Amino acid sequence: MVQSLGPRGRSFLSLARFIGVQSAAEHTTIEVSGRDRPSLLSEVFVILADLNCNVVAAEVWTLNSRMASVIYITDEANGLAIDDPDRLAKIKQLLLYVRQYR
């Protein structure tokens, strides 16, 4: 099952703010982009830890005060991809809050 919660076919750095979440068989992929600022990534990873997500890998880019990242996570309890729509919605909601209000 793949669930996309963000726009498709658009460049990370061209978006003002973007949070995308997709679930695959082995992991869930989170895409985050927007204006960079101090401690942004720290806040993103704290949220994921609080939601019992295990970060398997992450890639981060910055350019001209913009940030884009792709984060691969699994469920901390079972090591599998997170495919529960309510949990994915909560992850997206909290990450959007960090991007919008901090």
Protein backbone atom coordinates (compact mmCIF):
# COMPACT_ATOMS: atom_id res chain seq x y z
CA MET A 1 0.00 0.00 0.00
CA VAL A 2 1.37 3.42 -0.94
CA GLN A 3 -0.24 6.55 0.42
CA SER A 4 0.89 9.95 -0.78
CA LEU A 5 -0.08 12.95 1.31
CA GLY A 6 1.66 15.64 -0.73
CA PRO A 7 1.85 17.02 -4.26
CA ARG A 8 3.50 14.87 -6.90
CA GLY A 9 6.06 15.71 -9.53
CA ARG A 10 7.29 18.96 -8.00
CA SER A 11 10.78 19.92 -6.95
CA PHE A 12 11.54 20.05 -3.21
CA LEU A 13 13.10 23.48 -3.33
CA SER A 14 10.31 25.06 -5.38
CA LEU A 15 7.71 24.50 -2.68
CA ALA A 16 7.08 27.03 0.06
CA ARG A 17 6.29 24.25 2.52
CA PHE A 18 5.79 20.57 1.88
CA ILE A 19 5.34 17.46 3.98
CA GLY A 20 4.82 14.18 2.17
CA VAL A 21 4.40 10.74 3.70
CA GLN A 22 4.47 7.46 1.77
CA SER A 23 4.39 3.94 3.08
CA ALA A 24 6.22 1.11 1.30
CA ALA A 25 6.78 -2.52 2.26
CA GLU A 26 10.05 -1.99 4.14
CA HIS A 27 9.79 1.61 5.39
CA THR A 28 7.78 4.82 5.37
CA THR A 29 9.26 7.77 3.50
CA ILE A 30 8.79 11.32 4.76
CA GLU A 31 9.66 14.27 2.54
CA VAL A 32 10.06 17.69 4.16
CA SER A 33 10.97 20.94 2.43
CA GLY A 34 10.71 24.63 3.13
CA ARG A 35 12.62 27.53 4.65
CA ASP A 36 15.64 26.44 6.67
CA ARG A 37 16.25 27.71 10.20
CA PRO A 38 18.32 26.75 13.24
CA SER A 39 17.21 23.57 15.05
CA LEU A 40 14.61 22.62 12.41
CA LEU A 41 15.97 19.11 11.90
CA SER A 42 16.32 18.60 15.61
CA GLU A 43 12.62 19.36 16.07
CA VAL A 44 11.66 17.03 13.21
CA PHE A 45 13.62 14.14 14.73
CA VAL A 46 12.24 14.80 18.23
CA ILE A 47 8.70 14.54 16.85
CA LEU A 48 9.52 11.26 15.11
CA ALA A 49 11.09 9.85 18.28
CA ASP A 50 8.08 10.92 20.36
CA LEU A 51 5.82 9.10 17.89
CA ASN A 52 7.87 5.89 18.28
CA CYS A 53 9.39 6.08 14.82
CA ASN A 54 12.80 4.58 14.12
CA VAL A 55 14.83 6.63 11.62
CA VAL A 56 16.46 4.13 9.27
CA ALA A 57 18.17 6.73 7.05
CA ALA A 58 17.89 10.37 6.10
CA GLU A 59 19.13 12.65 3.34
CA VAL A 60 19.18 16.43 3.80
CA TRP A 61 19.96 19.28 1.41
CA THR A 62 20.20 23.01 2.00
CA LEU A 63 20.54 25.79 -0.56
CA ASN A 64 20.00 29.55 -0.21
CA SER A 65 18.15 29.29 3.12
CA ARG A 66 15.96 26.42 1.82
CA MET A 67 15.95 22.88 3.17
CA ALA A 68 14.79 19.59 1.71
CA SER A 69 15.00 16.17 3.30
CA VAL A 70 13.92 12.60 2.75
CA ILE A 71 13.62 10.55 5.94
CA TYR A 72 13.06 6.79 5.98
CA ILE A 73 11.32 5.46 9.10
CA THR A 74 9.91 2.26 10.53
CA ASP A 75 7.69 1.52 13.50
CA GLU A 76 9.90 1.32 16.59
CA ALA A 77 7.87 -1.60 17.98
CA ASN A 78 8.01 -3.99 15.02
CA GLY A 79 10.54 -2.55 12.54
CA LEU A 80 7.97 -2.44 9.75
CA ALA A 81 6.66 0.38 7.59
CA ILE A 82 3.96 2.52 9.17
CA ASP A 83 0.77 2.14 7.13
CA ASP A 84 -1.94 3.15 9.61
CA PRO A 85 -3.68 6.17 7.98
CA ASP A 86 -4.42 7.81 11.35
CA ARG A 87 -0.81 7.52 12.49
CA LEU A 88 0.48 8.84 9.14
CA ALA A 89 -1.94 11.77 9.39
CA LYS A 90 -0.68 12.55 12.91
CA ILE A 91 2.95 12.47 11.77
CA LYS A 92 2.14 14.83 8.90
CA GLN A 93 0.09 17.16 11.12
CA LEU A 94 2.86 17.54 13.70
CA LEU A 95 5.56 18.05 11.07
CA LEU A 96 3.43 20.69 9.35
CA TYR A 97 3.06 22.43 12.71
CA VAL A 98 6.85 22.59 13.13
CA ARG A 99 7.25 24.06 9.64
CA GLN A 100 4.42 26.56 9.97
CA TYR A 101 4.58 27.91 13.51
CA ARG A 102 8.19 27.83 14.62
